[in-house]
N, C-alpha and C. Protein backbone atom coordinates (compact mmCIF):
# COMPACT_ATOMS: atom_id res chain seq x y z
N MET A 1 0.84 -1.20 0.00
CA MET A 1 0.00 0.00 0.00
C MET A 1 0.88 1.25 0.00
N ALA A 2 0.45 2.27 -0.75
CA ALA A 2 1.16 3.54 -0.78
C ALA A 2 0.13 4.67 -0.75
N ALA A 3 0.15 5.46 0.32
CA ALA A 3 -0.72 6.64 0.45
C ALA A 3 -2.19 6.31 0.21
N GLY A 4 -2.65 5.21 0.81
CA GLY A 4 -4.05 4.85 0.68
C GLY A 4 -4.39 4.07 -0.57
N MET A 5 -3.40 3.80 -1.41
CA MET A 5 -3.63 3.03 -2.63
C MET A 5 -3.11 1.61 -2.45
N ASP A 6 -4.00 0.63 -2.60
CA ASP A 6 -3.58 -0.77 -2.64
C ASP A 6 -3.26 -1.11 -4.08
N TYR A 7 -2.13 -1.74 -4.33
CA TYR A 7 -1.78 -2.07 -5.70
C TYR A 7 -1.11 -3.44 -5.75
N ARG A 8 -1.31 -4.13 -6.88
CA ARG A 8 -0.75 -5.47 -7.04
C ARG A 8 -0.75 -5.84 -8.52
N VAL A 9 -0.07 -6.93 -8.83
CA VAL A 9 -0.08 -7.49 -10.18
C VAL A 9 -0.99 -8.71 -10.16
N LEU A 10 -2.04 -8.72 -10.99
CA LEU A 10 -2.95 -9.85 -11.04
C LEU A 10 -2.31 -11.00 -11.83
N ASP A 11 -2.94 -12.19 -11.76
CA ASP A 11 -2.31 -13.38 -12.33
C ASP A 11 -2.20 -13.38 -13.85
N ASP A 12 -2.87 -12.44 -14.53
CA ASP A 12 -2.73 -12.34 -15.98
C ASP A 12 -1.84 -11.17 -16.39
N ASN A 13 -1.01 -10.72 -15.43
CA ASN A 13 -0.08 -9.61 -15.64
C ASN A 13 -0.80 -8.29 -15.90
N THR A 14 -1.96 -8.13 -15.28
CA THR A 14 -2.67 -6.85 -15.30
C THR A 14 -2.38 -6.13 -13.99
N GLY A 15 -2.04 -4.87 -14.07
CA GLY A 15 -1.85 -4.07 -12.87
C GLY A 15 -3.19 -3.66 -12.28
N TYR A 16 -3.28 -3.61 -10.95
CA TYR A 16 -4.52 -3.26 -10.28
C TYR A 16 -4.23 -2.28 -9.15
N VAL A 17 -4.97 -1.17 -9.13
CA VAL A 17 -4.86 -0.16 -8.07
C VAL A 17 -6.24 0.09 -7.51
N ARG A 18 -6.37 -0.02 -6.20
CA ARG A 18 -7.63 0.28 -5.50
C ARG A 18 -7.43 1.54 -4.67
N TYR A 19 -8.22 2.57 -4.97
CA TYR A 19 -8.10 3.85 -4.27
C TYR A 19 -9.48 4.19 -3.70
N GLU A 20 -9.64 4.04 -2.39
CA GLU A 20 -10.95 4.13 -1.76
C GLU A 20 -11.38 5.54 -1.41
N SER A 21 -10.43 6.47 -1.28
CA SER A 21 -10.79 7.83 -0.91
C SER A 21 -9.71 8.80 -1.36
N PHE A 22 -10.13 9.88 -1.99
CA PHE A 22 -9.19 10.92 -2.37
C PHE A 22 -8.83 11.82 -1.19
N ASN A 23 -9.31 11.47 0.00
CA ASN A 23 -8.84 12.14 1.22
C ASN A 23 -7.45 11.66 1.60
N ASN A 24 -7.06 10.48 1.10
CA ASN A 24 -5.73 9.95 1.39
C ASN A 24 -4.70 10.64 0.49
N ALA A 25 -3.88 11.48 1.09
CA ALA A 25 -2.93 12.27 0.32
C ALA A 25 -1.92 11.38 -0.40
N ILE A 26 -1.58 11.78 -1.62
CA ILE A 26 -0.57 11.05 -2.40
C ILE A 26 0.52 12.02 -2.83
N GLY A 27 1.76 11.58 -2.68
CA GLY A 27 2.89 12.38 -3.08
C GLY A 27 3.54 11.82 -4.33
N SER A 28 4.46 12.57 -4.89
CA SER A 28 5.14 12.14 -6.12
C SER A 28 5.91 10.84 -5.90
N GLY A 29 6.53 10.71 -4.73
CA GLY A 29 7.28 9.49 -4.43
C GLY A 29 6.38 8.27 -4.37
N ASN A 30 5.18 8.43 -3.77
CA ASN A 30 4.22 7.33 -3.71
C ASN A 30 3.81 6.88 -5.11
N LEU A 31 3.52 7.85 -5.97
CA LEU A 31 3.08 7.53 -7.33
C LEU A 31 4.20 6.91 -8.15
N ASP A 32 5.42 7.38 -7.96
CA ASP A 32 6.56 6.76 -8.64
C ASP A 32 6.71 5.29 -8.22
N GLU A 33 6.51 5.05 -6.92
CA GLU A 33 6.61 3.69 -6.40
C GLU A 33 5.59 2.76 -7.05
N VAL A 34 4.34 3.24 -7.16
CA VAL A 34 3.28 2.44 -7.77
C VAL A 34 3.59 2.19 -9.25
N MET A 35 3.98 3.23 -9.97
CA MET A 35 4.26 3.10 -11.40
C MET A 35 5.43 2.14 -11.66
N MET A 36 6.45 2.23 -10.85
CA MET A 36 7.61 1.35 -11.02
C MET A 36 7.23 -0.10 -10.77
N HIS A 37 6.41 -0.34 -9.74
CA HIS A 37 6.03 -1.71 -9.39
C HIS A 37 5.20 -2.36 -10.50
N LEU A 38 4.39 -1.55 -11.20
CA LEU A 38 3.45 -2.09 -12.19
C LEU A 38 3.90 -1.88 -13.63
N MET A 39 5.08 -1.33 -13.84
CA MET A 39 5.48 -0.88 -15.17
C MET A 39 5.56 -2.00 -16.21
N LEU A 40 5.77 -3.25 -15.82
CA LEU A 40 5.86 -4.34 -16.78
C LEU A 40 4.51 -4.98 -17.08
N CYS A 41 3.44 -4.49 -16.45
CA CYS A 41 2.11 -5.04 -16.70
C CYS A 41 1.60 -4.65 -18.08
N ARG A 42 0.69 -5.45 -18.62
CA ARG A 42 0.15 -5.21 -19.96
C ARG A 42 -0.84 -4.05 -19.98
N GLY A 43 -1.44 -3.76 -18.85
CA GLY A 43 -2.42 -2.69 -18.72
C GLY A 43 -2.73 -2.48 -17.25
N LEU A 44 -3.56 -1.49 -16.97
CA LEU A 44 -3.82 -1.11 -15.57
C LEU A 44 -5.31 -0.92 -15.33
N ILE A 45 -5.78 -1.45 -14.20
CA ILE A 45 -7.14 -1.22 -13.71
C ILE A 45 -7.05 -0.29 -12.50
N ILE A 46 -7.80 0.81 -12.54
CA ILE A 46 -7.90 1.72 -11.39
C ILE A 46 -9.32 1.60 -10.85
N ASP A 47 -9.46 1.05 -9.67
CA ASP A 47 -10.76 0.77 -9.07
C ASP A 47 -11.11 1.86 -8.05
N ILE A 48 -12.06 2.74 -8.42
CA ILE A 48 -12.48 3.78 -7.48
C ILE A 48 -13.95 3.60 -7.10
N ARG A 49 -14.49 2.40 -7.25
CA ARG A 49 -15.87 2.15 -6.86
C ARG A 49 -16.05 2.44 -5.36
N GLY A 50 -17.11 3.17 -5.05
CA GLY A 50 -17.37 3.51 -3.66
C GLY A 50 -16.54 4.67 -3.14
N ASN A 51 -15.75 5.31 -3.99
CA ASN A 51 -14.92 6.43 -3.57
C ASN A 51 -15.79 7.69 -3.53
N GLY A 52 -16.01 8.20 -2.32
CA GLY A 52 -16.89 9.35 -2.13
C GLY A 52 -16.23 10.69 -2.35
N GLY A 53 -14.96 10.70 -2.74
CA GLY A 53 -14.29 11.96 -3.03
C GLY A 53 -13.19 12.28 -2.03
N GLY A 54 -12.94 13.57 -1.85
CA GLY A 54 -11.85 14.00 -0.97
C GLY A 54 -11.19 15.25 -1.53
N GLN A 55 -9.88 15.24 -1.59
CA GLN A 55 -9.13 16.40 -2.04
C GLN A 55 -8.97 16.40 -3.56
N LEU A 56 -9.42 17.47 -4.19
CA LEU A 56 -9.33 17.56 -5.64
C LEU A 56 -7.88 17.52 -6.13
N THR A 57 -6.95 18.03 -5.33
CA THR A 57 -5.54 18.00 -5.72
C THR A 57 -5.04 16.58 -5.89
N ASN A 58 -5.54 15.64 -5.08
CA ASN A 58 -5.13 14.24 -5.21
C ASN A 58 -5.65 13.65 -6.52
N ALA A 59 -6.88 14.00 -6.89
CA ALA A 59 -7.44 13.53 -8.16
C ALA A 59 -6.60 14.04 -9.33
N GLU A 60 -6.18 15.29 -9.26
CA GLU A 60 -5.38 15.88 -10.33
C GLU A 60 -3.99 15.24 -10.41
N LYS A 61 -3.40 15.00 -9.25
CA LYS A 61 -2.06 14.38 -9.22
C LYS A 61 -2.08 12.99 -9.86
N LEU A 62 -3.11 12.21 -9.53
CA LEU A 62 -3.19 10.86 -10.08
C LEU A 62 -3.46 10.90 -11.58
N ALA A 63 -4.42 11.70 -12.01
CA ALA A 63 -4.76 11.78 -13.43
C ALA A 63 -3.57 12.27 -14.25
N ALA A 64 -2.76 13.14 -13.69
CA ALA A 64 -1.60 13.69 -14.41
C ALA A 64 -0.58 12.62 -14.78
N ARG A 65 -0.61 11.47 -14.10
CA ARG A 65 0.31 10.38 -14.40
C ARG A 65 -0.08 9.64 -15.69
N PHE A 66 -1.24 9.98 -16.25
CA PHE A 66 -1.71 9.34 -17.48
C PHE A 66 -1.84 10.35 -18.62
N CYS A 67 -1.30 11.52 -18.40
CA CYS A 67 -1.43 12.65 -19.32
C CYS A 67 -0.06 13.01 -19.90
N ASN A 68 0.04 13.05 -21.23
CA ASN A 68 1.32 13.37 -21.88
C ASN A 68 1.38 14.77 -22.47
N THR A 69 0.25 15.39 -22.69
CA THR A 69 0.20 16.75 -23.21
C THR A 69 -0.84 17.53 -22.43
N THR A 70 -0.66 18.83 -22.32
CA THR A 70 -1.64 19.67 -21.63
C THR A 70 -3.00 19.47 -22.29
N THR A 71 -3.98 19.07 -21.49
CA THR A 71 -5.27 18.61 -22.02
C THR A 71 -6.44 19.36 -21.40
N LEU A 72 -7.35 19.84 -22.26
CA LEU A 72 -8.59 20.44 -21.77
C LEU A 72 -9.47 19.33 -21.23
N VAL A 73 -9.78 19.38 -19.93
CA VAL A 73 -10.58 18.30 -19.32
C VAL A 73 -11.97 18.75 -18.92
N GLY A 74 -12.26 20.03 -19.02
CA GLY A 74 -13.60 20.49 -18.67
C GLY A 74 -13.66 21.98 -18.43
N TYR A 75 -14.79 22.38 -17.83
CA TYR A 75 -15.05 23.79 -17.56
C TYR A 75 -15.71 23.93 -16.18
N TYR A 76 -15.70 25.14 -15.65
CA TYR A 76 -16.44 25.43 -14.43
C TYR A 76 -17.03 26.83 -14.52
N ARG A 77 -18.00 27.09 -13.65
CA ARG A 77 -18.63 28.41 -13.59
C ARG A 77 -18.70 28.85 -12.14
N HIS A 78 -18.54 30.15 -11.91
CA HIS A 78 -18.63 30.71 -10.56
C HIS A 78 -19.96 31.44 -10.39
N LYS A 79 -20.47 31.44 -9.17
CA LYS A 79 -21.67 32.22 -8.85
C LYS A 79 -21.27 33.69 -8.83
N THR A 80 -22.07 34.52 -9.51
CA THR A 80 -21.74 35.94 -9.60
C THR A 80 -22.77 36.84 -8.93
N GLY A 81 -23.86 36.27 -8.44
CA GLY A 81 -24.90 37.08 -7.81
C GLY A 81 -25.93 36.21 -7.14
N PRO A 82 -26.95 36.83 -6.50
CA PRO A 82 -27.94 36.08 -5.73
C PRO A 82 -29.00 35.39 -6.58
N GLY A 83 -29.12 35.78 -7.83
CA GLY A 83 -30.15 35.21 -8.69
C GLY A 83 -29.89 33.75 -9.04
N HIS A 84 -30.97 33.03 -9.38
CA HIS A 84 -30.87 31.61 -9.69
C HIS A 84 -29.89 31.34 -10.83
N SER A 85 -29.83 32.21 -11.80
CA SER A 85 -28.99 32.00 -12.98
C SER A 85 -27.78 32.93 -13.02
N ASP A 86 -27.42 33.49 -11.88
CA ASP A 86 -26.27 34.41 -11.85
C ASP A 86 -24.97 33.64 -11.75
N PHE A 87 -24.44 33.23 -12.91
CA PHE A 87 -23.18 32.50 -12.98
C PHE A 87 -22.28 33.13 -14.04
N SER A 88 -21.00 32.92 -13.85
CA SER A 88 -20.04 33.38 -14.85
C SER A 88 -20.14 32.52 -16.10
N GLY A 89 -19.42 32.92 -17.16
CA GLY A 89 -19.31 32.08 -18.34
C GLY A 89 -18.44 30.87 -18.04
N LEU A 90 -18.38 29.95 -18.98
CA LEU A 90 -17.56 28.75 -18.80
C LEU A 90 -16.08 29.12 -18.79
N GLU A 91 -15.39 28.61 -17.78
CA GLU A 91 -13.94 28.83 -17.67
C GLU A 91 -13.23 27.49 -17.82
N GLU A 92 -12.18 27.48 -18.63
CA GLU A 92 -11.50 26.24 -18.98
C GLU A 92 -10.72 25.65 -17.81
N ARG A 93 -10.69 24.31 -17.81
CA ARG A 93 -9.86 23.57 -16.85
C ARG A 93 -8.90 22.70 -17.65
N TRP A 94 -7.63 22.81 -17.33
CA TRP A 94 -6.59 22.10 -18.06
C TRP A 94 -5.85 21.17 -17.12
N LEU A 95 -5.47 20.00 -17.63
CA LEU A 95 -4.67 19.04 -16.88
C LEU A 95 -3.26 19.05 -17.45
N GLU A 96 -2.28 19.26 -16.58
CA GLU A 96 -0.88 19.29 -17.00
C GLU A 96 -0.23 17.93 -16.75
N PRO A 97 0.63 17.46 -17.66
CA PRO A 97 1.33 16.19 -17.45
C PRO A 97 2.19 16.23 -16.19
N ALA A 98 2.27 15.12 -15.49
CA ALA A 98 3.12 15.02 -14.29
C ALA A 98 4.59 15.05 -14.71
N SER A 99 5.43 15.51 -13.81
CA SER A 99 6.87 15.54 -14.08
C SER A 99 7.53 14.21 -13.77
N GLY A 100 6.85 13.33 -13.01
CA GLY A 100 7.41 12.03 -12.65
C GLY A 100 7.10 10.98 -13.70
N ILE A 101 7.18 9.71 -13.30
CA ILE A 101 6.91 8.59 -14.21
C ILE A 101 5.45 8.63 -14.63
N ARG A 102 5.22 8.51 -15.95
CA ARG A 102 3.86 8.52 -16.49
C ARG A 102 3.54 7.18 -17.15
N TRP A 103 2.31 6.72 -16.98
CA TRP A 103 1.86 5.44 -17.52
C TRP A 103 1.57 5.58 -19.01
N GLN A 104 2.03 4.62 -19.84
CA GLN A 104 1.88 4.71 -21.28
C GLN A 104 1.09 3.55 -21.89
N LYS A 105 0.45 2.74 -21.07
CA LYS A 105 -0.29 1.58 -21.56
C LYS A 105 -1.79 1.78 -21.29
N PRO A 106 -2.64 0.87 -21.83
CA PRO A 106 -4.09 1.03 -21.63
C PRO A 106 -4.50 1.04 -20.16
N VAL A 107 -5.55 1.78 -19.89
CA VAL A 107 -6.08 1.94 -18.53
C VAL A 107 -7.58 1.74 -18.55
N VAL A 108 -8.10 1.02 -17.55
CA VAL A 108 -9.54 0.92 -17.34
C VAL A 108 -9.85 1.44 -15.94
N VAL A 109 -10.79 2.39 -15.85
CA VAL A 109 -11.23 2.94 -14.57
C VAL A 109 -12.58 2.33 -14.22
N LEU A 110 -12.70 1.74 -13.03
CA LEU A 110 -13.95 1.12 -12.58
C LEU A 110 -14.75 2.09 -11.73
N THR A 111 -16.04 2.26 -12.08
CA THR A 111 -16.89 3.23 -11.38
C THR A 111 -18.21 2.60 -10.98
N ASN A 112 -18.90 3.27 -10.06
CA ASN A 112 -20.28 2.92 -9.72
C ASN A 112 -21.00 4.16 -9.21
N ARG A 113 -22.21 4.00 -8.73
CA ARG A 113 -23.02 5.15 -8.33
C ARG A 113 -22.60 5.75 -6.99
N GLN A 114 -21.63 5.16 -6.33
CA GLN A 114 -21.10 5.71 -5.08
C GLN A 114 -19.82 6.52 -5.31
N VAL A 115 -19.56 6.90 -6.55
CA VAL A 115 -18.40 7.73 -6.89
C VAL A 115 -18.86 9.19 -6.95
N TYR A 116 -18.35 10.01 -6.02
CA TYR A 116 -18.81 11.39 -5.90
C TYR A 116 -17.64 12.39 -5.87
N SER A 117 -18.00 13.65 -6.01
CA SER A 117 -17.13 14.78 -5.74
C SER A 117 -15.78 14.67 -6.47
N ALA A 118 -14.66 14.67 -5.73
CA ALA A 118 -13.35 14.64 -6.38
C ALA A 118 -13.15 13.36 -7.19
N ALA A 119 -13.77 12.26 -6.76
CA ALA A 119 -13.68 11.01 -7.53
C ALA A 119 -14.43 11.14 -8.85
N ASN A 120 -15.56 11.85 -8.83
CA ASN A 120 -16.31 12.14 -10.05
C ASN A 120 -15.45 12.99 -10.98
N GLU A 121 -14.74 13.96 -10.41
CA GLU A 121 -13.84 14.81 -11.19
C GLU A 121 -12.71 13.99 -11.83
N PHE A 122 -12.18 13.04 -11.10
CA PHE A 122 -11.13 12.18 -11.63
C PHE A 122 -11.61 11.44 -12.87
N VAL A 123 -12.84 10.92 -12.81
CA VAL A 123 -13.41 10.23 -13.97
C VAL A 123 -13.55 11.20 -15.14
N MET A 124 -13.96 12.42 -14.86
CA MET A 124 -14.10 13.44 -15.90
C MET A 124 -12.75 13.69 -16.59
N TYR A 125 -11.68 13.80 -15.79
CA TYR A 125 -10.34 14.00 -16.37
C TYR A 125 -9.94 12.81 -17.23
N MET A 126 -10.10 11.62 -16.67
CA MET A 126 -9.61 10.41 -17.34
C MET A 126 -10.33 10.15 -18.66
N LYS A 127 -11.60 10.54 -18.76
CA LYS A 127 -12.34 10.32 -20.00
C LYS A 127 -11.74 11.10 -21.17
N GLU A 128 -10.98 12.14 -20.89
CA GLU A 128 -10.40 12.95 -21.95
C GLU A 128 -9.01 12.49 -22.37
N LEU A 129 -8.49 11.47 -21.72
CA LEU A 129 -7.13 11.02 -22.01
C LEU A 129 -7.14 9.80 -22.92
N PRO A 130 -6.22 9.74 -23.90
CA PRO A 130 -6.18 8.59 -24.81
C PRO A 130 -5.79 7.31 -24.09
N GLY A 131 -6.36 6.20 -24.52
CA GLY A 131 -6.02 4.91 -23.95
C GLY A 131 -6.75 4.57 -22.67
N VAL A 132 -7.72 5.43 -22.26
CA VAL A 132 -8.46 5.22 -21.01
C VAL A 132 -9.91 4.84 -21.31
N THR A 133 -10.41 3.80 -20.63
CA THR A 133 -11.80 3.35 -20.79
C THR A 133 -12.46 3.31 -19.42
N ILE A 134 -13.70 3.78 -19.34
CA ILE A 134 -14.46 3.78 -18.09
C ILE A 134 -15.45 2.62 -18.12
N VAL A 135 -15.43 1.79 -17.08
CA VAL A 135 -16.26 0.58 -17.02
C VAL A 135 -17.00 0.53 -15.69
N GLY A 136 -18.25 0.11 -15.73
CA GLY A 136 -19.03 -0.05 -14.50
C GLY A 136 -20.38 0.61 -14.62
N ASP A 137 -20.70 1.51 -13.70
CA ASP A 137 -21.99 2.19 -13.70
C ASP A 137 -21.76 3.70 -13.71
N ARG A 138 -22.81 4.43 -13.97
CA ARG A 138 -22.77 5.89 -13.94
C ARG A 138 -22.29 6.35 -12.56
N THR A 139 -21.46 7.38 -12.53
CA THR A 139 -20.98 7.90 -11.25
C THR A 139 -22.11 8.65 -10.53
N GLY A 140 -21.89 8.89 -9.24
CA GLY A 140 -22.91 9.57 -8.45
C GLY A 140 -23.02 11.05 -8.74
N GLY A 141 -21.93 11.66 -9.23
CA GLY A 141 -21.95 13.08 -9.60
C GLY A 141 -21.38 13.97 -8.51
N GLY A 142 -21.74 15.24 -8.59
CA GLY A 142 -21.21 16.22 -7.64
C GLY A 142 -19.86 16.73 -8.07
N ALA A 143 -19.62 18.00 -7.86
CA ALA A 143 -18.34 18.59 -8.23
C ALA A 143 -17.31 18.39 -7.13
N GLY A 144 -16.10 18.76 -7.42
CA GLY A 144 -15.02 18.64 -6.45
C GLY A 144 -14.94 19.80 -5.48
N MET A 145 -15.91 20.73 -5.55
CA MET A 145 -15.88 21.90 -4.66
C MET A 145 -17.24 22.04 -3.97
N PRO A 146 -17.53 21.18 -2.99
CA PRO A 146 -18.84 21.20 -2.33
C PRO A 146 -18.97 22.31 -1.29
N PHE A 147 -20.21 22.71 -1.03
CA PHE A 147 -20.52 23.69 0.01
C PHE A 147 -21.40 23.00 1.04
N ASN A 148 -21.08 23.17 2.31
CA ASN A 148 -21.84 22.55 3.40
C ASN A 148 -22.48 23.63 4.27
N SER A 149 -23.72 23.38 4.69
CA SER A 149 -24.40 24.32 5.57
C SER A 149 -25.41 23.57 6.43
N SER A 150 -25.79 24.17 7.56
CA SER A 150 -26.81 23.59 8.45
C SER A 150 -28.05 24.47 8.44
N LEU A 151 -29.22 23.83 8.35
CA LEU A 151 -30.49 24.55 8.38
C LEU A 151 -30.99 24.66 9.81
N PRO A 152 -31.90 25.61 10.10
CA PRO A 152 -32.41 25.78 11.47
C PRO A 152 -33.06 24.53 12.05
N ASN A 153 -33.59 23.64 11.17
CA ASN A 153 -34.24 22.43 11.67
C ASN A 153 -33.26 21.31 11.98
N GLY A 154 -31.96 21.58 11.81
CA GLY A 154 -30.95 20.59 12.11
C GLY A 154 -30.45 19.79 10.93
N TRP A 155 -31.08 19.97 9.77
CA TRP A 155 -30.64 19.25 8.58
C TRP A 155 -29.32 19.84 8.08
N ASN A 156 -28.49 18.96 7.54
CA ASN A 156 -27.26 19.41 6.88
C ASN A 156 -27.45 19.39 5.37
N VAL A 157 -26.99 20.43 4.72
CA VAL A 157 -27.13 20.57 3.27
C VAL A 157 -25.74 20.58 2.64
N ARG A 158 -25.57 19.81 1.59
CA ARG A 158 -24.29 19.76 0.86
C ARG A 158 -24.60 19.84 -0.64
N PHE A 159 -24.00 20.80 -1.31
CA PHE A 159 -24.24 20.94 -2.74
C PHE A 159 -23.00 21.53 -3.41
N SER A 160 -22.98 21.47 -4.73
CA SER A 160 -21.83 21.95 -5.49
C SER A 160 -21.86 23.47 -5.57
N ALA A 161 -20.83 24.10 -5.05
CA ALA A 161 -20.73 25.55 -5.09
C ALA A 161 -20.22 26.04 -6.43
N VAL A 162 -19.50 25.18 -7.14
CA VAL A 162 -18.95 25.54 -8.45
C VAL A 162 -19.35 24.46 -9.44
N PRO A 163 -20.35 24.70 -10.29
CA PRO A 163 -20.77 23.69 -11.26
C PRO A 163 -19.64 23.31 -12.21
N MET A 164 -19.53 22.01 -12.48
CA MET A 164 -18.47 21.49 -13.35
C MET A 164 -19.08 20.90 -14.63
N TYR A 165 -18.34 21.02 -15.72
CA TYR A 165 -18.77 20.52 -17.03
C TYR A 165 -17.60 19.79 -17.69
N ASP A 166 -17.94 18.81 -18.54
CA ASP A 166 -16.87 18.10 -19.24
C ASP A 166 -16.35 18.93 -20.40
N ALA A 167 -15.42 18.37 -21.17
CA ALA A 167 -14.76 19.12 -22.24
C ALA A 167 -15.71 19.48 -23.38
N ARG A 168 -16.90 18.87 -23.42
CA ARG A 168 -17.89 19.19 -24.44
C ARG A 168 -18.99 20.10 -23.89
N GLY A 169 -18.81 20.54 -22.65
CA GLY A 169 -19.77 21.46 -22.04
C GLY A 169 -20.96 20.80 -21.40
N ASN A 170 -20.92 19.47 -21.21
CA ASN A 170 -22.02 18.75 -20.56
C ASN A 170 -21.83 18.76 -19.04
N SER A 171 -22.90 19.00 -18.31
CA SER A 171 -22.81 19.02 -16.85
C SER A 171 -22.42 17.65 -16.31
N CYS A 172 -21.53 17.66 -15.31
CA CYS A 172 -21.10 16.42 -14.65
C CYS A 172 -21.71 16.29 -13.26
N GLU A 173 -22.60 17.23 -12.91
CA GLU A 173 -23.15 17.26 -11.56
C GLU A 173 -24.03 16.05 -11.23
N PHE A 174 -24.61 15.43 -12.26
CA PHE A 174 -25.51 14.30 -12.02
C PHE A 174 -24.91 12.98 -12.46
N GLY A 175 -23.59 12.96 -12.58
CA GLY A 175 -22.90 11.72 -12.90
C GLY A 175 -22.35 11.66 -14.31
N ILE A 176 -21.46 10.70 -14.53
CA ILE A 176 -20.80 10.49 -15.81
C ILE A 176 -21.04 9.05 -16.24
N GLU A 177 -21.51 8.89 -17.46
CA GLU A 177 -21.78 7.55 -17.98
C GLU A 177 -20.47 6.83 -18.31
N PRO A 178 -20.39 5.52 -18.05
CA PRO A 178 -19.20 4.75 -18.43
C PRO A 178 -19.18 4.48 -19.92
N ASP A 179 -18.04 4.09 -20.44
CA ASP A 179 -17.95 3.64 -21.83
C ASP A 179 -18.62 2.28 -21.99
N TYR A 180 -18.51 1.45 -20.95
CA TYR A 180 -19.16 0.13 -20.93
C TYR A 180 -19.89 0.00 -19.60
N LYS A 181 -21.21 -0.18 -19.67
CA LYS A 181 -22.00 -0.37 -18.45
C LYS A 181 -21.99 -1.85 -18.09
N VAL A 182 -21.42 -2.18 -16.95
CA VAL A 182 -21.31 -3.57 -16.50
C VAL A 182 -21.77 -3.62 -15.05
N SER A 183 -22.63 -4.57 -14.73
CA SER A 183 -23.16 -4.70 -13.37
C SER A 183 -22.60 -5.93 -12.68
N LEU A 184 -22.48 -5.85 -11.38
CA LEU A 184 -22.07 -6.99 -10.56
C LEU A 184 -23.33 -7.77 -10.22
N THR A 185 -23.47 -8.97 -10.78
CA THR A 185 -24.69 -9.76 -10.57
C THR A 185 -24.65 -10.46 -9.21
N ASP A 186 -25.84 -10.79 -8.70
CA ASP A 186 -25.93 -11.50 -7.43
C ASP A 186 -25.28 -12.88 -7.52
N GLU A 187 -25.44 -13.52 -8.69
CA GLU A 187 -24.87 -14.86 -8.87
C GLU A 187 -23.34 -14.81 -8.82
N ASP A 188 -22.76 -13.83 -9.49
CA ASP A 188 -21.30 -13.69 -9.47
C ASP A 188 -20.80 -13.34 -8.07
N PHE A 189 -21.54 -12.47 -7.39
CA PHE A 189 -21.15 -12.08 -6.03
C PHE A 189 -21.15 -13.31 -5.12
N ALA A 190 -22.16 -14.16 -5.27
CA ALA A 190 -22.25 -15.38 -4.45
C ALA A 190 -21.09 -16.33 -4.73
N ARG A 191 -20.59 -16.31 -5.96
CA ARG A 191 -19.46 -17.16 -6.32
C ARG A 191 -18.12 -16.52 -5.97
N GLY A 192 -18.16 -15.28 -5.50
CA GLY A 192 -16.92 -14.57 -5.19
C GLY A 192 -16.23 -14.04 -6.42
N GLU A 193 -16.98 -13.84 -7.49
CA GLU A 193 -16.41 -13.34 -8.74
C GLU A 193 -16.86 -11.91 -8.98
N ASP A 194 -15.92 -11.03 -9.28
CA ASP A 194 -16.23 -9.63 -9.55
C ASP A 194 -16.39 -9.44 -11.06
N THR A 195 -17.64 -9.38 -11.50
CA THR A 195 -17.96 -9.27 -12.92
C THR A 195 -17.25 -8.09 -13.58
N ILE A 196 -17.19 -6.98 -12.88
CA ILE A 196 -16.67 -5.75 -13.46
C ILE A 196 -15.15 -5.84 -13.66
N ILE A 197 -14.44 -6.37 -12.66
CA ILE A 197 -13.00 -6.56 -12.82
C ILE A 197 -12.71 -7.54 -13.94
N GLU A 198 -13.47 -8.62 -14.01
CA GLU A 198 -13.23 -9.62 -15.06
C GLU A 198 -13.47 -9.03 -16.45
N PHE A 199 -14.48 -8.18 -16.57
CA PHE A 199 -14.74 -7.52 -17.85
C PHE A 199 -13.55 -6.63 -18.22
N ALA A 200 -13.03 -5.89 -17.23
CA ALA A 200 -11.90 -5.01 -17.47
C ALA A 200 -10.66 -5.80 -17.90
N ARG A 201 -10.42 -6.94 -17.27
CA ARG A 201 -9.27 -7.77 -17.64
C ARG A 201 -9.41 -8.27 -19.07
N THR A 202 -10.62 -8.69 -19.44
CA THR A 202 -10.85 -9.14 -20.80
C THR A 202 -10.64 -8.00 -21.80
N LEU A 203 -11.11 -6.82 -21.45
CA LEU A 203 -10.96 -5.66 -22.32
C LEU A 203 -9.49 -5.32 -22.53
N LEU A 204 -8.71 -5.36 -21.48
CA LEU A 204 -7.28 -5.06 -21.60
C LEU A 204 -6.55 -6.12 -22.42
N GLY A 205 -7.06 -7.37 -22.36
CA GLY A 205 -6.45 -8.44 -23.11
C GLY A 205 -6.60 -8.28 -24.61
N ARG A 206 -7.57 -7.45 -25.03
CA ARG A 206 -7.79 -7.23 -26.47
C ARG A 206 -6.91 -6.13 -27.03
N ARG A 207 -6.28 -5.36 -26.17
CA ARG A 207 -5.50 -4.20 -26.63
C ARG A 207 -4.17 -4.63 -27.24
């Protein structure tokens, strides 16, 4: 494990990384360690199912390891007034390549409906990078910049303070569709087989 990331080489020489929360800080040394350990693998699976988000900087650091050129990954808008539609125009978001070791082989990112906030942003970044495929279910949505408040009745409210959009201007607030929708069936779960991981391994085997 390195900085909250579990990583290993599967029996078919596929690299596998499980990252449960972007609250777990990752440094350049940690990412170099992971890349070096998996560098001889034929491809890589990044499993962020159930990742509720965390620090947006961690999502950017990880995505930058799969980016070779400065890439437009989306847009955001700021609130400019009290009115319902008082927002700025779309402002570009760019992902810069990491200065450390960068991955150059196919990647599959595993998602489900429990992927929120900074994890949702990570999926948005990765969809714009060549050689990356998203597999699983639609993400839960939400931007990487949430606002929290308490109401007089004791309820807590959490919503996106800065709306986010993908590189084509589509809102990402209500989730991002995968390239391949794959579900974990009850039968496979009972057998101890992860349908989604197996689909990803098969997909990487075709590359």
